[in-house]
Amino acid sequence: MDQRLHFLTLATPDLDAARAFYRDGLGWTPLIDVPGEIVFFQIAPGLALGLFDAAKFDQDLLRDQSTSGVSGLTLSHNVPTRDEVATTLAALEAAGGTILKPAQDGAFGGIFHGHVADPNGVIWEIAHNPGWRIDDDGSVLFD
């Protein structure tokens, strides 16, 4: 199997709140939006993030139990400057997110970052790290 993902799909109990957070808070444009079911966002070349209504997610997996929340996972977005960490966190909070960790120096790696949870508990790290960068082709490069 090729070392790549094409879709990252998260079960979400409140699809409308998630849609508003990602569309309005992050400013992302939906790739496909099926109200009451799923919304996809193109997040990188060849990679889409899907937010799937939790009940429909369980139905698709043929599960009797309810899928709730995501744990042990952080979605990260890097910004070019330290100042953009705080302004991005504020925009996400205004779109329904909850600040978990205000913008501050990290404990390791020279990073300046903060964390915000989307309306369904998915944790986002907004970071500025001068020790690595994203190349024009999308490759992550460590300096």
N, C-alpha and C. Protein backbone atom coordinates (compact mmCIF):
# COMPACT_ATOMS: atom_id res chain seq x y z
N MET A 1 0.84 -1.17 0.00
CA MET A 1 0.00 0.00 0.00
C MET A 1 0.89 1.24 0.00
N ASP A 2 0.53 2.24 -0.79
CA ASP A 2 1.26 3.51 -0.81
C ASP A 2 1.19 4.16 0.56
N GLN A 3 2.26 4.85 0.95
CA GLN A 3 2.30 5.54 2.24
C GLN A 3 1.61 6.89 2.10
N ARG A 4 0.27 6.86 2.16
CA ARG A 4 -0.51 8.10 2.05
C ARG A 4 -1.93 7.84 2.51
N LEU A 5 -2.60 8.91 2.88
CA LEU A 5 -4.03 8.89 3.20
C LEU A 5 -4.75 9.71 2.15
N HIS A 6 -5.99 9.39 1.89
CA HIS A 6 -6.80 10.18 0.97
C HIS A 6 -7.94 10.88 1.68
N PHE A 7 -8.48 10.23 2.73
CA PHE A 7 -9.56 10.81 3.52
C PHE A 7 -9.26 10.61 4.99
N LEU A 8 -9.50 11.62 5.77
CA LEU A 8 -9.47 11.54 7.22
C LEU A 8 -10.89 11.91 7.64
N THR A 9 -11.63 10.95 8.18
CA THR A 9 -13.05 11.16 8.49
C THR A 9 -13.26 11.09 9.99
N LEU A 10 -13.92 12.11 10.53
CA LEU A 10 -14.20 12.20 11.95
C LEU A 10 -15.70 12.15 12.18
N ALA A 11 -16.14 11.29 13.10
CA ALA A 11 -17.55 11.26 13.50
C ALA A 11 -17.82 12.51 14.33
N THR A 12 -18.92 13.17 14.06
CA THR A 12 -19.24 14.40 14.77
C THR A 12 -20.70 14.41 15.19
N PRO A 13 -20.96 14.57 16.51
CA PRO A 13 -22.35 14.56 16.97
C PRO A 13 -23.16 15.78 16.54
N ASP A 14 -22.50 16.90 16.25
CA ASP A 14 -23.22 18.10 15.82
C ASP A 14 -22.62 18.60 14.52
N LEU A 15 -23.12 18.08 13.43
CA LEU A 15 -22.57 18.40 12.11
C LEU A 15 -22.72 19.88 11.77
N ASP A 16 -23.83 20.50 12.14
CA ASP A 16 -24.02 21.92 11.83
C ASP A 16 -23.00 22.80 12.55
N ALA A 17 -22.72 22.50 13.83
CA ALA A 17 -21.72 23.27 14.57
C ALA A 17 -20.33 23.05 13.98
N ALA A 18 -20.03 21.81 13.60
CA ALA A 18 -18.73 21.52 13.00
C ALA A 18 -18.59 22.25 11.67
N ARG A 19 -19.64 22.24 10.85
CA ARG A 19 -19.60 22.92 9.56
C ARG A 19 -19.29 24.40 9.76
N ALA A 20 -19.99 25.04 10.71
CA ALA A 20 -19.77 26.47 10.97
C ALA A 20 -18.34 26.73 11.44
N PHE A 21 -17.82 25.86 12.30
CA PHE A 21 -16.46 26.03 12.81
C PHE A 21 -15.44 25.97 11.68
N TYR A 22 -15.53 24.96 10.83
CA TYR A 22 -14.53 24.78 9.78
C TYR A 22 -14.74 25.76 8.62
N ARG A 23 -15.98 26.01 8.27
CA ARG A 23 -16.27 26.94 7.17
C ARG A 23 -16.06 28.38 7.60
N ASP A 24 -16.66 28.77 8.72
CA ASP A 24 -16.61 30.17 9.14
C ASP A 24 -15.37 30.50 9.97
N GLY A 25 -15.01 29.60 10.88
CA GLY A 25 -13.86 29.85 11.74
C GLY A 25 -12.53 29.71 11.03
N LEU A 26 -12.38 28.62 10.28
CA LEU A 26 -11.14 28.40 9.54
C LEU A 26 -11.17 29.07 8.16
N GLY A 27 -12.38 29.41 7.70
CA GLY A 27 -12.50 30.01 6.38
C GLY A 27 -12.37 29.03 5.24
N TRP A 28 -12.62 27.74 5.54
CA TRP A 28 -12.48 26.71 4.51
C TRP A 28 -13.73 26.61 3.66
N THR A 29 -13.54 26.22 2.42
CA THR A 29 -14.64 26.01 1.47
C THR A 29 -14.93 24.52 1.37
N PRO A 30 -16.19 24.11 1.61
CA PRO A 30 -16.51 22.69 1.50
C PRO A 30 -16.27 22.17 0.08
N LEU A 31 -15.72 20.97 0.00
CA LEU A 31 -15.54 20.27 -1.26
C LEU A 31 -16.87 19.63 -1.66
N ILE A 32 -17.50 18.97 -0.69
CA ILE A 32 -18.82 18.37 -0.83
C ILE A 32 -19.54 18.59 0.49
N ASP A 33 -20.80 18.98 0.43
CA ASP A 33 -21.56 19.22 1.64
C ASP A 33 -22.94 18.59 1.48
N VAL A 34 -23.19 17.53 2.23
CA VAL A 34 -24.47 16.84 2.21
C VAL A 34 -25.12 17.10 3.57
N PRO A 35 -26.04 18.09 3.65
CA PRO A 35 -26.65 18.44 4.94
C PRO A 35 -27.22 17.21 5.66
N GLY A 36 -26.96 17.15 6.98
CA GLY A 36 -27.45 16.05 7.79
C GLY A 36 -26.64 14.78 7.66
N GLU A 37 -25.60 14.79 6.84
CA GLU A 37 -24.83 13.57 6.63
C GLU A 37 -23.33 13.78 6.77
N ILE A 38 -22.73 14.56 5.84
CA ILE A 38 -21.26 14.68 5.82
C ILE A 38 -20.86 15.95 5.09
N VAL A 39 -19.73 16.50 5.47
CA VAL A 39 -19.13 17.60 4.75
C VAL A 39 -17.63 17.29 4.60
N PHE A 40 -17.12 17.47 3.40
CA PHE A 40 -15.71 17.23 3.11
C PHE A 40 -15.03 18.55 2.79
N PHE A 41 -13.78 18.68 3.27
CA PHE A 41 -12.94 19.83 2.95
C PHE A 41 -11.63 19.31 2.37
N GLN A 42 -11.19 19.88 1.25
CA GLN A 42 -9.88 19.55 0.70
C GLN A 42 -8.85 20.19 1.61
N ILE A 43 -7.97 19.40 2.23
CA ILE A 43 -7.02 19.97 3.18
C ILE A 43 -5.57 19.90 2.70
N ALA A 44 -5.32 19.15 1.66
CA ALA A 44 -3.98 19.04 1.09
C ALA A 44 -4.13 18.35 -0.26
N PRO A 45 -3.10 18.42 -1.10
CA PRO A 45 -3.19 17.68 -2.35
C PRO A 45 -3.45 16.19 -2.07
N GLY A 46 -4.54 15.67 -2.58
CA GLY A 46 -4.85 14.26 -2.42
C GLY A 46 -5.41 13.89 -1.06
N LEU A 47 -5.77 14.88 -0.22
CA LEU A 47 -6.26 14.58 1.12
C LEU A 47 -7.46 15.46 1.46
N ALA A 48 -8.55 14.81 1.87
CA ALA A 48 -9.76 15.51 2.29
C ALA A 48 -10.10 15.13 3.72
N LEU A 49 -10.62 16.12 4.47
CA LEU A 49 -11.12 15.89 5.82
C LEU A 49 -12.63 15.79 5.73
N GLY A 50 -13.18 14.68 6.24
CA GLY A 50 -14.62 14.49 6.26
C GLY A 50 -15.14 14.59 7.68
N LEU A 51 -16.22 15.33 7.85
CA LEU A 51 -16.92 15.41 9.13
C LEU A 51 -18.25 14.73 8.90
N PHE A 52 -18.43 13.58 9.53
CA PHE A 52 -19.54 12.67 9.26
C PHE A 52 -20.47 12.68 10.47
N ASP A 53 -21.75 12.91 10.26
CA ASP A 53 -22.72 12.83 11.33
C ASP A 53 -22.50 11.52 12.08
N ALA A 54 -22.37 11.58 13.42
CA ALA A 54 -21.99 10.40 14.22
C ALA A 54 -22.96 9.24 14.06
N ALA A 55 -24.26 9.51 14.01
CA ALA A 55 -25.24 8.42 13.85
C ALA A 55 -25.07 7.75 12.49
N LYS A 56 -24.83 8.54 11.45
CA LYS A 56 -24.63 7.98 10.11
C LYS A 56 -23.29 7.24 10.04
N PHE A 57 -22.30 7.76 10.77
CA PHE A 57 -20.99 7.11 10.85
C PHE A 57 -21.14 5.70 11.41
N ASP A 58 -21.87 5.58 12.53
CA ASP A 58 -22.09 4.27 13.14
C ASP A 58 -22.87 3.35 12.22
N GLN A 59 -23.86 3.90 11.54
CA GLN A 59 -24.66 3.10 10.59
C GLN A 59 -23.76 2.56 9.48
N ASP A 60 -22.87 3.40 8.98
CA ASP A 60 -21.97 2.99 7.92
C ASP A 60 -21.04 1.88 8.37
N LEU A 61 -20.65 1.90 9.66
CA LEU A 61 -19.75 0.88 10.21
C LEU A 61 -20.50 -0.34 10.73
N LEU A 62 -21.82 -0.33 10.62
CA LEU A 62 -22.66 -1.42 11.13
C LEU A 62 -22.43 -1.62 12.63
N ARG A 63 -22.39 -0.50 13.36
CA ARG A 63 -22.16 -0.54 14.80
C ARG A 63 -23.44 -0.26 15.56
N ASP A 64 -23.63 -0.98 16.65
CA ASP A 64 -24.78 -0.74 17.51
C ASP A 64 -24.52 0.39 18.49
N GLN A 65 -23.25 0.63 18.80
CA GLN A 65 -22.92 1.64 19.80
C GLN A 65 -22.78 3.02 19.17
N SER A 66 -22.77 4.01 20.01
CA SER A 66 -22.62 5.37 19.55
C SER A 66 -21.15 5.77 19.58
N THR A 67 -20.69 6.34 18.50
CA THR A 67 -19.33 6.85 18.45
C THR A 67 -19.36 8.26 19.02
N SER A 68 -18.53 8.50 20.01
CA SER A 68 -18.52 9.84 20.59
C SER A 68 -17.09 10.29 20.81
N GLY A 69 -16.80 11.48 20.34
CA GLY A 69 -15.53 12.12 20.61
C GLY A 69 -14.33 11.46 19.98
N VAL A 70 -13.27 12.22 19.96
CA VAL A 70 -11.98 11.78 19.44
C VAL A 70 -10.99 11.99 20.57
N SER A 71 -10.15 11.01 20.85
CA SER A 71 -9.13 11.19 21.88
C SER A 71 -7.78 10.76 21.34
N GLY A 72 -6.75 11.33 21.91
CA GLY A 72 -5.40 10.97 21.49
C GLY A 72 -5.07 11.46 20.09
N LEU A 73 -5.70 12.54 19.64
CA LEU A 73 -5.49 13.05 18.29
C LEU A 73 -5.51 14.56 18.32
N THR A 74 -4.56 15.17 17.66
CA THR A 74 -4.54 16.61 17.49
C THR A 74 -4.35 16.91 16.01
N LEU A 75 -5.20 17.77 15.48
CA LEU A 75 -5.01 18.29 14.13
C LEU A 75 -4.20 19.57 14.29
N SER A 76 -3.15 19.72 13.50
CA SER A 76 -2.26 20.87 13.67
C SER A 76 -2.21 21.71 12.41
N HIS A 77 -2.15 23.02 12.63
CA HIS A 77 -2.01 23.97 11.54
C HIS A 77 -0.90 24.94 11.92
N ASN A 78 0.05 25.11 11.04
CA ASN A 78 1.18 25.99 11.30
C ASN A 78 0.98 27.31 10.59
N VAL A 79 1.32 28.39 11.30
CA VAL A 79 1.20 29.74 10.76
C VAL A 79 2.59 30.36 10.68
N PRO A 80 2.76 31.37 9.81
CA PRO A 80 4.09 31.93 9.58
C PRO A 80 4.68 32.75 10.73
N THR A 81 3.83 33.31 11.62
CA THR A 81 4.36 34.16 12.69
C THR A 81 3.73 33.81 14.03
N ARG A 82 4.42 34.23 15.10
CA ARG A 82 3.90 34.04 16.46
C ARG A 82 2.57 34.77 16.64
N ASP A 83 2.47 35.99 16.11
CA ASP A 83 1.25 36.79 16.27
C ASP A 83 0.03 36.09 15.67
N GLU A 84 0.23 35.36 14.59
CA GLU A 84 -0.89 34.68 13.93
C GLU A 84 -1.44 33.53 14.76
N VAL A 85 -0.66 33.02 15.70
CA VAL A 85 -1.17 31.96 16.58
C VAL A 85 -2.36 32.50 17.37
N ALA A 86 -2.17 33.63 18.04
CA ALA A 86 -3.24 34.21 18.87
C ALA A 86 -4.43 34.66 18.03
N THR A 87 -4.20 35.28 16.88
CA THR A 87 -5.33 35.76 16.07
C THR A 87 -6.12 34.59 15.49
N THR A 88 -5.44 33.52 15.14
CA THR A 88 -6.14 32.33 14.61
C THR A 88 -6.96 31.67 15.73
N LEU A 89 -6.37 31.55 16.91
CA LEU A 89 -7.11 30.98 18.05
C LEU A 89 -8.36 31.81 18.35
N ALA A 90 -8.24 33.12 18.31
CA ALA A 90 -9.39 34.00 18.57
C ALA A 90 -10.48 33.81 17.53
N ALA A 91 -10.10 33.67 16.27
CA ALA A 91 -11.09 33.44 15.20
C ALA A 91 -11.81 32.11 15.40
N LEU A 92 -11.07 31.10 15.82
CA LEU A 92 -11.68 29.79 16.05
C LEU A 92 -12.60 29.81 17.27
N GLU A 93 -12.22 30.55 18.29
CA GLU A 93 -13.09 30.69 19.46
C GLU A 93 -14.38 31.41 19.07
N ALA A 94 -14.27 32.45 18.25
CA ALA A 94 -15.46 33.20 17.81
C ALA A 94 -16.39 32.33 16.97
N ALA A 95 -15.84 31.28 16.33
CA ALA A 95 -16.64 30.39 15.49
C ALA A 95 -17.18 29.19 16.26
N GLY A 96 -17.10 29.23 17.60
CA GLY A 96 -17.67 28.15 18.40
C GLY A 96 -16.67 27.23 19.06
N GLY A 97 -15.38 27.48 18.89
CA GLY A 97 -14.36 26.67 19.51
C GLY A 97 -14.13 27.06 20.97
N THR A 98 -13.43 26.20 21.69
CA THR A 98 -13.10 26.45 23.09
C THR A 98 -11.59 26.43 23.24
N ILE A 99 -11.04 27.54 23.73
CA ILE A 99 -9.59 27.60 23.94
C ILE A 99 -9.22 26.66 25.07
N LEU A 100 -8.31 25.74 24.80
CA LEU A 100 -7.82 24.81 25.80
C LEU A 100 -6.48 25.27 26.37
N LYS A 101 -5.68 25.90 25.52
CA LYS A 101 -4.37 26.39 25.92
C LYS A 101 -4.12 27.67 25.13
N PRO A 102 -4.05 28.82 25.81
CA PRO A 102 -3.79 30.06 25.10
C PRO A 102 -2.41 30.05 24.44
N ALA A 103 -2.19 30.94 23.50
CA ALA A 103 -0.91 31.03 22.80
C ALA A 103 0.22 31.23 23.79
N GLN A 104 1.25 30.39 23.67
CA GLN A 104 2.39 30.45 24.58
C GLN A 104 3.54 29.62 24.02
N ASP A 105 4.72 29.86 24.62
CA ASP A 105 5.87 29.04 24.25
C ASP A 105 5.63 27.61 24.67
N GLY A 106 6.01 26.67 23.81
CA GLY A 106 5.88 25.26 24.12
C GLY A 106 6.99 24.79 25.04
N ALA A 107 6.80 23.63 25.62
CA ALA A 107 7.79 23.07 26.55
C ALA A 107 9.00 22.48 25.81
N PHE A 108 8.87 22.26 24.50
CA PHE A 108 9.97 21.65 23.76
C PHE A 108 9.91 22.08 22.29
N GLY A 109 11.03 21.96 21.60
CA GLY A 109 11.09 22.13 20.17
C GLY A 109 11.06 23.54 19.63
N GLY A 110 11.12 24.56 20.49
CA GLY A 110 11.13 25.94 20.01
C GLY A 110 9.82 26.41 19.44
N ILE A 111 8.75 25.72 19.76
CA ILE A 111 7.43 26.02 19.20
C ILE A 111 6.70 27.07 20.03
N PHE A 112 5.90 27.89 19.37
CA PHE A 112 4.95 28.81 20.02
C PHE A 112 3.59 28.36 19.54
N HIS A 113 2.69 28.01 20.48
CA HIS A 113 1.44 27.40 20.04
C HIS A 113 0.33 27.59 21.07
N GLY A 114 -0.87 27.17 20.66
CA GLY A 114 -2.03 27.12 21.52
C GLY A 114 -2.95 26.04 21.00
N HIS A 115 -3.93 25.66 21.82
CA HIS A 115 -4.87 24.61 21.43
C HIS A 115 -6.31 25.08 21.59
N VAL A 116 -7.14 24.66 20.66
CA VAL A 116 -8.56 24.97 20.69
C VAL A 116 -9.32 23.70 20.31
N ALA A 117 -10.46 23.48 20.97
CA ALA A 117 -11.31 22.34 20.62
C ALA A 117 -12.44 22.84 19.73
N ASP A 118 -12.73 22.11 18.67
CA ASP A 118 -13.88 22.47 17.84
C ASP A 118 -15.15 22.15 18.63
N PRO A 119 -16.33 22.50 18.11
CA PRO A 119 -17.56 22.29 18.88
C PRO A 119 -17.84 20.84 19.28
N ASN A 120 -17.17 19.88 18.66
CA ASN A 120 -17.37 18.48 18.99
C ASN A 120 -16.18 17.86 19.71
N GLY A 121 -15.25 18.69 20.16
CA GLY A 121 -14.13 18.21 20.96
C GLY A 121 -12.87 17.84 20.22
N VAL A 122 -12.83 18.00 18.90
CA VAL A 122 -11.60 17.72 18.15
C VAL A 122 -10.60 18.83 18.48
N ILE A 123 -9.41 18.44 18.91
CA ILE A 123 -8.41 19.41 19.35
C ILE A 123 -7.53 19.84 18.17
N TRP A 124 -7.43 21.15 18.03
CA TRP A 124 -6.57 21.77 17.04
C TRP A 124 -5.40 22.44 17.74
N GLU A 125 -4.21 22.23 17.19
CA GLU A 125 -3.03 22.97 17.63
C GLU A 125 -2.75 24.01 16.55
N ILE A 126 -2.65 25.26 16.95
CA ILE A 126 -2.24 26.34 16.04
C ILE A 126 -0.83 26.70 16.49
N ALA A 127 0.12 26.60 15.57
CA ALA A 127 1.53 26.71 15.97
C ALA A 127 2.37 27.53 15.00
N HIS A 128 3.41 28.10 15.56
CA HIS A 128 4.50 28.69 14.78
C HIS A 128 5.76 27.98 15.25
N ASN A 129 6.46 27.34 14.31
CA ASN A 129 7.68 26.63 14.64
C ASN A 129 8.74 27.01 13.62
N PRO A 130 9.70 27.84 14.01
CA PRO A 130 10.73 28.26 13.07
C PRO A 130 11.68 27.15 12.66
N GLY A 131 11.61 25.99 13.32
CA GLY A 131 12.51 24.89 13.03
C GLY A 131 12.05 23.97 11.91
N TRP A 132 10.86 24.25 11.36
CA TRP A 132 10.42 23.45 10.23
C TRP A 132 9.46 24.25 9.37
N ARG A 133 9.30 23.80 8.15
CA ARG A 133 8.49 24.54 7.19
C ARG A 133 7.78 23.59 6.24
N ILE A 134 6.82 24.13 5.55
CA ILE A 134 6.08 23.38 4.54
C ILE A 134 6.55 23.87 3.17
N ASP A 135 7.08 22.98 2.36
CA ASP A 135 7.56 23.32 1.03
C ASP A 135 6.38 23.58 0.09
N ASP A 136 6.66 24.18 -1.05
CA ASP A 136 5.60 24.49 -2.02
C ASP A 136 4.82 23.28 -2.47
N ASP A 137 5.46 22.10 -2.48
CA ASP A 137 4.76 20.88 -2.91
C ASP A 137 4.00 20.21 -1.76
N GLY A 138 4.04 20.82 -0.56
CA GLY A 138 3.32 20.28 0.59
C GLY A 138 4.18 19.40 1.49
N SER A 139 5.42 19.19 1.14
CA SER A 139 6.31 18.38 1.97
C SER A 139 6.68 19.12 3.25
N VAL A 140 6.74 18.41 4.37
CA VAL A 140 7.19 18.97 5.63
C VAL A 140 8.70 18.80 5.70
N LEU A 141 9.39 19.92 5.94
CA LEU A 141 10.85 19.91 5.99
C LEU A 141 11.33 20.38 7.35
N PHE A 142 12.24 19.62 7.95
CA PHE A 142 12.83 19.99 9.23
C PHE A 142 14.18 20.64 8.96
N ASP A 143 14.38 21.83 9.50
CA ASP A 143 15.64 22.55 9.29
C ASP A 143 16.69 22.13 10.28
